[in-house]
Amino acid sequence: MLVLTLRSFGALRAPQDDNRLLFSQVRVVVGSKVWERNALDPSDETKPLTPNEQKVKKYASNTALAIELPFTIVGAVVFGGLIGYFLDHWLHTRFIFTFILGILGFAGGIKEVLRRLG
């Protein structure tokens, strides 16, 4: 069982003021384990992570990256291919622009994946 509770008391902004809204209270319940964080209490941020929490954070981060990267490549190819398709349709050419922009989308997707991994 997973329960996630987010409560906001007013519009809190990120410290860099980059227009991201923050929640003032976060509570996560997994089975019998409960994690709570109150953004209005800065004492939570000074606590170092336990080795188990660091391991879980690293695993979750790597899993999220592994799930995200294939969509990055496919999205770039589809985006380039669609623009090429519409250019081919507009200019009444065969699939020249679809092919070229699909290849450029693939190259851009690979470049983005390498940037995120490196």
Protein backbone atom coordinates (compact mmCIF):
# COMPACT_ATOMS: atom_id res chain seq x y z
CA MET A 1 0.00 0.00 0.00
CA LEU A 2 1.34 3.42 -0.98
CA VAL A 3 -0.24 6.64 0.21
CA LEU A 4 1.14 10.06 -0.76
CA THR A 5 -0.25 13.17 0.90
CA LEU A 6 0.74 16.67 -0.22
CA ARG A 7 -0.49 19.72 1.63
CA SER A 8 0.12 23.31 0.72
CA PHE A 9 -0.55 26.27 2.99
CA GLY A 10 -0.23 29.16 0.56
CA ALA A 11 2.02 29.37 -2.46
CA LEU A 12 5.56 28.53 -1.42
CA ARG A 13 8.20 29.10 -4.05
CA ALA A 14 11.51 27.37 -4.59
CA PRO A 15 14.52 29.21 -3.13
CA GLN A 16 15.74 30.16 -6.61
CA ASP A 17 12.27 31.61 -7.32
CA ASP A 18 12.04 29.69 -10.59
CA ASN A 19 8.23 29.53 -10.44
CA ARG A 20 8.06 25.97 -9.10
CA LEU A 21 5.48 25.56 -6.39
CA LEU A 22 6.52 23.63 -3.32
CA PHE A 23 4.32 21.74 -0.94
CA SER A 24 4.63 22.72 2.68
CA GLN A 25 4.01 19.23 4.01
CA VAL A 26 4.68 15.86 2.39
CA ARG A 27 3.71 12.54 3.92
CA VAL A 28 4.47 9.16 2.29
CA VAL A 29 3.12 5.90 3.74
CA VAL A 30 4.43 2.57 2.43
CA GLY A 31 3.02 -0.35 4.37
CA SER A 32 3.72 0.42 8.02
CA LYS A 33 6.57 2.87 7.31
CA VAL A 34 5.80 6.62 7.33
CA TRP A 35 8.00 9.45 6.05
CA GLU A 36 7.02 13.05 6.71
CA ARG A 37 8.65 16.31 5.75
CA ASN A 38 7.54 19.77 6.70
CA ALA A 39 8.96 22.49 4.45
CA LEU A 40 8.17 25.11 7.05
CA ASP A 41 10.58 23.38 9.46
CA PRO A 42 14.10 23.74 8.00
CA SER A 43 15.58 21.35 10.59
CA ASP A 44 14.62 18.42 8.34
CA GLU A 45 17.08 19.49 5.66
CA THR A 46 20.15 19.32 7.89
CA LYS A 47 19.69 15.62 8.69
CA PRO A 48 22.10 13.47 6.68
CA LEU A 49 20.70 10.50 4.82
CA THR A 50 21.30 7.07 6.25
CA PRO A 51 23.22 4.61 4.05
CA ASN A 52 19.98 2.76 3.31
CA GLU A 53 18.23 6.01 2.30
CA GLN A 54 21.20 6.92 0.06
CA LYS A 55 20.97 3.49 -1.59
CA VAL A 56 17.22 3.90 -2.16
CA LYS A 57 17.72 7.42 -3.55
CA LYS A 58 20.42 6.25 -5.96
CA TYR A 59 18.30 3.27 -7.08
CA ALA A 60 15.24 5.44 -7.65
CA SER A 61 17.26 8.02 -9.57
CA ASN A 62 18.85 5.38 -11.81
CA THR A 63 15.49 3.70 -12.42
CA ALA A 64 13.87 7.00 -13.39
CA LEU A 65 16.73 7.74 -15.79
CA ALA A 66 16.51 4.25 -17.35
CA ILE A 67 12.78 4.68 -17.92
CA GLU A 68 13.16 8.20 -19.33
CA LEU A 69 16.00 7.67 -21.83
CA PRO A 70 14.19 5.48 -24.40
CA PHE A 71 11.40 8.05 -24.59
CA THR A 72 14.02 10.73 -25.24
CA ILE A 73 15.39 8.91 -28.27
CA VAL A 74 11.99 7.89 -29.66
CA GLY A 75 10.54 11.35 -29.06
CA ALA A 76 13.37 13.03 -30.95
CA VAL A 77 13.03 10.66 -33.93
CA VAL A 78 9.23 11.07 -34.04
CA PHE A 79 9.47 14.84 -33.74
CA GLY A 80 12.06 15.10 -36.54
CA GLY A 81 10.16 12.62 -38.69
CA LEU A 82 6.86 14.46 -38.28
CA ILE A 83 8.38 17.79 -39.22
CA GLY A 84 10.02 16.11 -42.22
CA TYR A 85 6.73 14.48 -43.20
CA PHE A 86 4.89 17.80 -43.14
CA LEU A 87 7.70 19.46 -45.12
CA ASP A 88 7.54 16.64 -47.69
CA HIS A 89 3.77 17.00 -47.89
CA TRP A 90 3.98 20.79 -48.20
CA LEU A 91 6.79 20.78 -50.82
CA HIS A 92 5.39 17.73 -52.70
CA THR A 93 8.63 15.79 -52.38
CA ARG A 94 9.10 12.15 -51.62
CA PHE A 95 10.26 11.14 -48.17
CA ILE A 96 13.54 13.05 -48.38
CA PHE A 97 12.89 15.47 -45.51
CA THR A 98 11.26 12.76 -43.40
CA PHE A 99 14.39 10.64 -43.74
CA ILE A 100 16.86 13.49 -43.18
CA LEU A 101 15.04 15.02 -40.22
CA GLY A 102 14.39 11.56 -38.75
CA ILE A 103 18.15 10.88 -38.84
CA LEU A 104 18.86 14.31 -37.33
CA GLY A 105 16.27 13.58 -34.62
CA PHE A 106 17.98 10.26 -33.88
CA ALA A 107 21.37 11.98 -33.64
CA GLY A 108 19.90 14.66 -31.37
CA GLY A 109 18.28 11.98 -29.19
CA ILE A 110 21.57 10.09 -28.85
CA LYS A 111 23.37 13.34 -28.01
CA GLU A 112 20.79 14.13 -25.30
CA VAL A 113 21.08 10.61 -23.84
CA LEU A 114 24.87 10.90 -23.70
CA ARG A 115 24.58 14.33 -22.08
CA ARG A 116 22.30 12.95 -19.37
CA LEU A 117 24.48 9.91 -18.75
CA GLY A 118 27.73 11.86 -18.64
